[in-house]
Protein backbone atom coordinates (compact mmCIF):
# COMPACT_ATOMS: atom_id res chain seq x y z
CA MET A 1 168.02 222.17 165.13
CA ARG A 2 168.76 224.28 162.07
CA VAL A 3 166.30 226.87 160.85
CA ALA A 4 166.37 228.43 157.38
CA PRO A 5 167.38 232.06 157.55
CA VAL A 6 164.80 234.72 156.79
CA GLY A 7 165.27 236.65 153.59
CA GLY A 8 164.42 234.55 150.56
CA THR A 9 167.32 232.13 150.56
CA ALA A 10 165.04 229.10 150.03
CA VAL A 11 165.54 227.22 146.79
CA GLN A 12 162.42 226.44 144.78
CA ASP A 13 162.14 223.03 143.20
CA HIS A 14 159.82 223.68 140.25
CA VAL A 15 159.24 219.97 139.60
CA ALA A 16 158.20 219.39 143.21
CA LEU A 17 155.93 222.43 143.13
CA ALA A 18 154.26 221.16 139.92
CA GLU A 19 153.74 217.72 141.50
CA ILE A 20 152.21 219.28 144.60
CA GLU A 21 149.82 221.32 142.41
CA LEU A 22 148.77 218.20 140.48
CA CYS A 23 148.20 216.30 143.73
CA GLY A 24 146.05 219.15 144.97
CA ASP A 25 144.02 219.10 141.75
CA LEU A 26 143.53 215.37 142.12
CA ILE A 27 142.43 215.67 145.75
CA ILE A 28 139.91 218.36 144.82
CA ALA A 29 138.50 216.26 141.98
CA ALA A 30 138.28 213.17 144.18
CA SER A 31 136.53 215.04 146.99
CA ALA A 32 133.99 216.52 144.54
CA ALA A 33 133.21 213.18 142.86
CA ARG A 34 130.27 211.07 143.94
CA GLU A 35 132.08 207.86 143.03
CA ARG A 36 135.65 206.74 142.61
CA LEU A 37 137.42 208.54 139.80
CA SER A 38 137.92 206.47 136.66
CA LEU A 39 141.36 206.18 135.16
CA GLU A 40 140.20 208.47 132.35
CA SER A 41 139.06 211.08 134.86
CA ILE A 42 142.39 210.90 136.68
CA ASP A 43 144.26 211.33 133.41
CA GLU A 44 142.08 214.34 132.61
CA VAL A 45 142.74 215.98 135.99
CA LEU A 46 146.47 215.33 135.64
CA ARG A 47 146.42 216.62 132.05
CA VAL A 48 148.09 213.47 130.72
CA ALA A 49 146.85 213.95 127.15
CA GLU A 50 148.11 217.55 127.06
CA GLU A 51 151.55 216.44 128.20
CA ARG A 52 151.71 213.67 125.59
CA GLU A 53 150.76 216.11 122.84
CA ARG A 54 153.39 218.55 124.01
CA GLU A 55 156.03 215.80 123.97
CA ARG A 56 155.06 214.82 120.42
CA GLY A 57 155.02 218.35 119.07
């Protein structure tokens, strides 16, 4: 079994970290909702519209 050495040698994958954050946001929204989240609500939580605007501009 290999163990990562202590001392900050771990590599951060910023894409993976962003995906984990979005999943967390979605889990929080789903747990707070009284009903199933609509597709529009999911898009809002995942900031889909913001990303599309950023890609356009």
